[in-house]
Each structure stands twice: as structure tokens, then as C-alpha cells.
Amino acid sequence: MEKRDLKISFGKSGSGSISPKLSIPKSFLDKIGITQKEREIEIEVNEDTQEIIIRKKK
């Protein structure tokens, strides 16, 4: 398993709302088979463990 420390960017829109963004390394996406043609994912949050899980959608 590979691990990286990343930072989330927070952008502000004209209406004042804040939009968080995260860039996932391409090497991680390659490992789980995410491509430009097959790019749908599932995302799950576990509040107990404070983890976000990203999976390729089946």
C-alpha cells in the first residue's frame, strides 16, 4: 500500500460559498483502474473512524 500526504484546496465562488477540492495522484487511480472512459467512483465517509473511502464503481 502506498501513502501520501496531501492538502485540500478551498476555493471561494462569487456568491461566497466555499468549494473544497482534492487532487488524487494518477498513480493511485491507475492502480484501481480509473480511466478517462471508466471514471465513475463511489465515495463513503465513516464518521466513527474519520475516514473517506473511494472505490471504483462497479
PDB file of N, CA and C in Angstrom:
ATOM      1  N   MET A   1       0.846  -1.178   0.000  1.00  0.00           N
ATOM      2  CA  MET A   1       0.000   0.000   0.000  1.00  0.00           C
ATOM      3  C   MET A   1       0.889   1.238   0.000  1.00  0.00           C
ATOM      4  N   GLU A   2       0.509   2.199  -0.819  1.00  0.00           N
ATOM      5  CA  GLU A   2       1.255   3.451  -0.932  1.00  0.00           C
ATOM      6  C   GLU A   2       0.511   4.542  -0.169  1.00  0.00           C
ATOM      7  N   LYS A   3       1.247   5.424   0.471  1.00  0.00           N
ATOM      8  CA  LYS A   3       0.647   6.504   1.247  1.00  0.00           C
ATOM      9  C   LYS A   3       1.284   7.825   0.852  1.00  0.00           C
ATOM     10  N   ARG A   4       0.452   8.863   0.753  1.00  0.00           N
ATOM     11  CA  ARG A   4       0.940  10.225   0.503  1.00  0.00           C
ATOM     12  C   ARG A   4       0.179  11.196   1.381  1.00  0.00           C
ATOM     13  N   ASP A   5       0.838  12.254   1.772  1.00  0.00           N
ATOM     14  CA  ASP A   5       0.183  13.333   2.495  1.00  0.00           C
ATOM     15  C   ASP A   5      -0.192  14.406   1.479  1.00  0.00           C
ATOM     16  N   LEU A   6      -1.464  14.784   1.453  1.00  0.00           N
ATOM     17  CA  LEU A   6      -1.973  15.766   0.503  1.00  0.00           C
ATOM     18  C   LEU A   6      -2.663  16.893   1.259  1.00  0.00           C
ATOM     19  N   LYS A   7      -2.914  17.987   0.555  1.00  0.00           N
ATOM     20  CA  LYS A   7      -3.665  19.097   1.132  1.00  0.00           C
ATOM     21  C   LYS A   7      -4.911  19.330   0.288  1.00  0.00           C
ATOM     22  N   ILE A   8      -5.973  19.709   0.944  1.00  0.00           N
ATOM     23  CA  ILE A   8      -7.219  20.047   0.274  1.00  0.00           C
ATOM     24  C   ILE A   8      -7.202  21.545  -0.014  1.00  0.00           C
ATOM     25  N   SER A   9      -7.576  21.916  -1.242  1.00  0.00           N
ATOM     26  CA  SER A   9      -7.690  23.327  -1.618  1.00  0.00           C
ATOM     27  C   SER A   9      -9.118  23.789  -1.353  1.00  0.00           C
ATOM     28  N   PHE A  10      -9.247  25.018  -0.909  1.00  0.00           N
ATOM     29  CA  PHE A  10     -10.565  25.609  -0.689  1.00  0.00           C
ATOM     30  C   PHE A  10     -10.684  26.833  -1.577  1.00  0.00           C
ATOM     31  N   GLY A  11     -11.642  26.803  -2.503  1.00  0.00           N
ATOM     32  CA  GLY A  11     -11.874  27.924  -3.407  1.00  0.00           C
ATOM     33  C   GLY A  11     -13.169  28.626  -3.043  1.00  0.00           C
ATOM     34  N   LYS A  12     -13.196  29.909  -3.292  1.00  0.00           N
ATOM     35  CA  LYS A  12     -14.382  30.709  -2.997  1.00  0.00           C
ATOM     36  C   LYS A  12     -15.043  31.120  -4.302  1.00  0.00           C
ATOM     37  N   SER A  13     -16.353  30.949  -4.376  1.00  0.00           N
ATOM     38  CA  SER A  13     -17.072  31.370  -5.577  1.00  0.00           C
ATOM     39  C   SER A  13     -17.546  32.805  -5.395  1.00  0.00           C
ATOM     40  N   GLY A  14     -18.110  33.353  -6.447  1.00  0.00           N
ATOM     41  CA  GLY A  14     -18.600  34.732  -6.406  1.00  0.00           C
ATOM     42  C   GLY A  14     -19.693  34.941  -5.372  1.00  0.00           C
ATOM     43  N   SER A  15     -20.469  33.895  -5.084  1.00  0.00           N
ATOM     44  CA  SER A  15     -21.563  34.031  -4.114  1.00  0.00           C
ATOM     45  C   SER A  15     -21.091  33.849  -2.673  1.00  0.00           C
ATOM     46  N   GLY A  16     -19.794  33.593  -2.499  1.00  0.00           N
ATOM     47  CA  GLY A  16     -19.252  33.470  -1.153  1.00  0.00           C
ATOM     48  C   GLY A  16     -19.192  32.050  -0.614  1.00  0.00           C
ATOM     49  N   SER A  17     -19.717  31.086  -1.374  1.00  0.00           N
ATOM     50  CA  SER A  17     -19.642  29.701  -0.892  1.00  0.00           C
ATOM     51  C   SER A  17     -18.228  29.148  -1.094  1.00  0.00           C
ATOM     52  N   ILE A  18     -17.861  28.200  -0.262  1.00  0.00           N
ATOM     53  CA  ILE A  18     -16.530  27.603  -0.312  1.00  0.00           C
ATOM     54  C   ILE A  18     -16.634  26.208  -0.899  1.00  0.00           C
ATOM     55  N   SER A  19     -15.733  25.905  -1.831  1.00  0.00           N
ATOM     56  CA  SER A  19     -15.746  24.617  -2.515  1.00  0.00           C
ATOM     57  C   SER A  19     -14.406  23.906  -2.314  1.00  0.00           C
ATOM     58  N   PRO A  20     -14.388  22.801  -1.524  1.00  0.00           N
ATOM     59  CA  PRO A  20     -13.141  22.066  -1.320  1.00  0.00           C
ATOM     60  C   PRO A  20     -12.810  21.190  -2.526  1.00  0.00           C
ATOM     61  N   LYS A  21     -11.519  21.038  -2.822  1.00  0.00           N
ATOM     62  CA  LYS A  21     -11.070  20.205  -3.940  1.00  0.00           C
ATOM     63  C   LYS A  21      -9.838  19.418  -3.517  1.00  0.00           C
ATOM     64  N   LEU A  22      -9.746  18.188  -4.020  1.00  0.00           N
ATOM     65  CA  LEU A  22      -8.620  17.321  -3.720  1.00  0.00           C
ATOM     66  C   LEU A  22      -8.136  16.693  -5.018  1.00  0.00           C
ATOM     67  N   SER A  23      -6.853  16.801  -5.292  1.00  0.00           N
ATOM     68  CA  SER A  23      -6.267  16.149  -6.457  1.00  0.00           C
ATOM     69  C   SER A  23      -5.709  14.800  -6.022  1.00  0.00           C
ATOM     70  N   ILE A  24      -6.178  13.738  -6.663  1.00  0.00           N
ATOM     71  CA  ILE A  24      -5.721  12.380  -6.347  1.00  0.00           C
ATOM     72  C   ILE A  24      -4.610  12.020  -7.330  1.00  0.00           C
ATOM     73  N   PRO A  25      -3.493  11.514  -6.839  1.00  0.00           N
ATOM     74  CA  PRO A  25      -2.396  11.157  -7.742  1.00  0.00           C
ATOM     75  C   PRO A  25      -2.846  10.147  -8.812  1.00  0.00           C
ATOM     76  N   LYS A  26      -2.417  10.379 -10.043  1.00  0.00           N
ATOM     77  CA  LYS A  26      -2.796   9.499 -11.153  1.00  0.00           C
ATOM     78  C   LYS A  26      -2.345   8.066 -10.910  1.00  0.00           C
ATOM     79  N   SER A  27      -1.198   7.901 -10.270  1.00  0.00           N
ATOM     80  CA  SER A  27      -0.718   6.543  -9.990  1.00  0.00           C
ATOM     81  C   SER A  27      -1.704   5.779  -9.107  1.00  0.00           C
ATOM     82  N   PHE A  28      -2.390   6.469  -8.192  1.00  0.00           N
ATOM     83  CA  PHE A  28      -3.397   5.820  -7.352  1.00  0.00           C
ATOM     84  C   PHE A  28      -4.593   5.397  -8.204  1.00  0.00           C
ATOM     85  N   LEU A  29      -5.032   6.284  -9.099  1.00  0.00           N
ATOM     86  CA  LEU A  29      -6.167   5.976  -9.964  1.00  0.00           C
ATOM     87  C   LEU A  29      -5.839   4.826 -10.911  1.00  0.00           C
ATOM     88  N   ASP A  30      -4.613   4.811 -11.422  1.00  0.00           N
ATOM     89  CA  ASP A  30      -4.176   3.704 -12.288  1.00  0.00           C
ATOM     90  C   ASP A  30      -4.274   2.368 -11.559  1.00  0.00           C
ATOM     91  N   LYS A  31      -3.900   2.351 -10.295  1.00  0.00           N
ATOM     92  CA  LYS A  31      -3.892   1.109  -9.510  1.00  0.00           C
ATOM     93  C   LYS A  31      -5.282   0.531  -9.309  1.00  0.00           C
ATOM     94  N   ILE A  32      -6.320   1.376  -9.304  1.00  0.00           N
ATOM     95  CA  ILE A  32      -7.676   0.844  -9.125  1.00  0.00           C
ATOM     96  C   ILE A  32      -8.494   0.876 -10.424  1.00  0.00           C
ATOM     97  N   GLY A  33      -7.826   1.168 -11.537  1.00  0.00           N
ATOM     98  CA  GLY A  33      -8.463   1.055 -12.848  1.00  0.00           C
ATOM     99  C   GLY A  33      -9.353   2.209 -13.255  1.00  0.00           C
ATOM    100  N   ILE A  34      -9.118   3.396 -12.705  1.00  0.00           N
ATOM    101  CA  ILE A  34      -9.885   4.577 -13.115  1.00  0.00           C
ATOM    102  C   ILE A  34      -9.221   5.163 -14.356  1.00  0.00           C
ATOM    103  N   THR A  35     -10.006   5.320 -15.419  1.00  0.00           N
ATOM    104  CA  THR A  35      -9.500   5.883 -16.672  1.00  0.00           C
ATOM    105  C   THR A  35     -10.437   7.011 -17.113  1.00  0.00           C
ATOM    106  N   GLN A  36     -10.095   7.663 -18.220  1.00  0.00           N
ATOM    107  CA  GLN A  36     -10.974   8.714 -18.737  1.00  0.00           C
ATOM    108  C   GLN A  36     -12.305   8.133 -19.205  1.00  0.00           C
ATOM    109  N   LYS A  37     -12.310   6.882 -19.659  1.00  0.00           N
ATOM    110  CA  LYS A  37     -13.557   6.244 -20.099  1.00  0.00           C
ATOM    111  C   LYS A  37     -14.331   5.647 -18.928  1.00  0.00           C
ATOM    112  N   GLU A  38     -13.632   5.084 -17.967  1.00  0.00           N
ATOM    113  CA  GLU A  38     -14.258   4.482 -16.788  1.00  0.00           C
ATOM    114  C   GLU A  38     -13.864   5.307 -15.570  1.00  0.00           C
ATOM    115  N   ARG A  39     -14.627   6.366 -15.315  1.00  0.00           N
ATOM    116  CA  ARG A  39     -14.224   7.313 -14.275  1.00  0.00           C
ATOM    117  C   ARG A  39     -15.228   7.469 -13.144  1.00  0.00           C
ATOM    118  N   GLU A  40     -16.229   6.587 -13.092  1.00  0.00           N
ATOM    119  CA  GLU A  40     -17.210   6.676 -12.009  1.00  0.00           C
ATOM    120  C   GLU A  40     -16.668   6.017 -10.745  1.00  0.00           C
ATOM    121  N   ILE A  41     -16.889   6.700  -9.625  1.00  0.00           N
ATOM    122  CA  ILE A  41     -16.420   6.193  -8.337  1.00  0.00           C
ATOM    123  C   ILE A  41     -17.561   6.222  -7.333  1.00  0.00           C
ATOM    124  N   GLU A  42     -17.357   5.520  -6.231  1.00  0.00           N
ATOM    125  CA  GLU A  42     -18.227   5.617  -5.064  1.00  0.00           C
ATOM    126  C   GLU A  42     -17.376   6.228  -3.958  1.00  0.00           C
ATOM    127  N   ILE A  43     -17.967   7.089  -3.166  1.00  0.00           N
ATOM    128  CA  ILE A  43     -17.240   7.679  -2.040  1.00  0.00           C
ATOM    129  C   ILE A  43     -18.083   7.477  -0.787  1.00  0.00           C
ATOM    130  N   GLU A  44     -17.428   7.095   0.284  1.00  0.00           N
ATOM    131  CA  GLU A  44     -18.114   6.782   1.530  1.00  0.00           C
ATOM    132  C   GLU A  44     -17.355   7.449   2.674  1.00  0.00           C
ATOM    133  N   VAL A  45     -18.095   7.964   3.638  1.00  0.00           N
ATOM    134  CA  VAL A  45     -17.456   8.561   4.806  1.00  0.00           C
ATOM    135  C   VAL A  45     -17.845   7.751   6.044  1.00  0.00           C
ATOM    136  N   ASN A  46     -16.846   7.438   6.854  1.00  0.00           N
ATOM    137  CA  ASN A  46     -17.062   6.743   8.117  1.00  0.00           C
ATOM    138  C   ASN A  46     -16.772   7.751   9.227  1.00  0.00           C
ATOM    139  N   GLU A  47     -17.835   8.232   9.853  1.00  0.00           N
ATOM    140  CA  GLU A  47     -17.687   9.264  10.881  1.00  0.00           C
ATOM    141  C   GLU A  47     -16.996   8.731  12.134  1.00  0.00           C
ATOM    142  N   ASP A  48     -17.172   7.439  12.421  1.00  0.00           N
ATOM    143  CA  ASP A  48     -16.559   6.852  13.621  1.00  0.00           C
ATOM    144  C   ASP A  48     -15.035   6.848  13.526  1.00  0.00           C
ATOM    145  N   THR A  49     -14.508   6.456  12.358  1.00  0.00           N
ATOM    146  CA  THR A  49     -13.055   6.372  12.184  1.00  0.00           C
ATOM    147  C   THR A  49     -12.482   7.602  11.491  1.00  0.00           C
ATOM    148  N   GLN A  50     -13.347   8.533  11.093  1.00  0.00           N
ATOM    149  CA  GLN A  50     -12.968   9.754  10.370  1.00  0.00           C
ATOM    150  C   GLN A  50     -12.167   9.420   9.115  1.00  0.00           C
ATOM    151  N   GLU A  51     -12.704   8.474   8.319  1.00  0.00           N
ATOM    152  CA  GLU A  51     -12.085   8.053   7.065  1.00  0.00           C
ATOM    153  C   GLU A  51     -13.016   8.277   5.898  1.00  0.00           C
ATOM    154  N   ILE A  52     -12.430   8.615   4.764  1.00  0.00           N
ATOM    155  CA  ILE A  52     -13.153   8.702   3.496  1.00  0.00           C
ATOM    156  C   ILE A  52     -12.633   7.566   2.626  1.00  0.00           C
ATOM    157  N   ILE A  53     -13.541   6.767   2.081  1.00  0.00           N
ATOM    158  CA  ILE A  53     -13.169   5.622   1.248  1.00  0.00           C
ATOM    159  C   ILE A  53     -13.634   5.878  -0.172  1.00  0.00           C
ATOM    160  N   ILE A  54     -12.724   5.720  -1.130  1.00  0.00           N
ATOM    161  CA  ILE A  54     -13.035   5.913  -2.539  1.00  0.00           C
ATOM    162  C   ILE A  54     -12.854   4.577  -3.237  1.00  0.00           C
ATOM    163  N   ARG A  55     -13.885   4.144  -3.984  1.00  0.00           N
ATOM    164  CA  ARG A  55     -13.838   2.887  -4.737  1.00  0.00           C
ATOM    165  C   ARG A  55     -14.269   3.120  -6.182  1.00  0.00           C
ATOM    166  N   LYS A  56     -13.744   2.311  -7.064  1.00  0.00           N
ATOM    167  CA  LYS A  56     -14.235   2.326  -8.444  1.00  0.00           C
ATOM    168  C   LYS A  56     -15.644   1.765  -8.434  1.00  0.00           C
ATOM    169  N   LYS A  57     -16.551   2.446  -9.118  1.00  0.00           N
ATOM    170  CA  LYS A  57     -17.937   1.986  -9.182  1.00  0.00           C
ATOM    171  C   LYS A  57     -18.023   0.764 -10.080  1.00  0.00           C
ATOM    172  N   LYS A  58     -18.733  -0.230  -9.609  1.00  0.00           N
ATOM    173  CA  LYS A  58     -18.856  -1.490 -10.358  1.00  0.00           C
ATOM    174  C   LYS A  58     -20.011  -1.440 -11.307  1.00  0.00           C
TER     175      LYS A  58
END
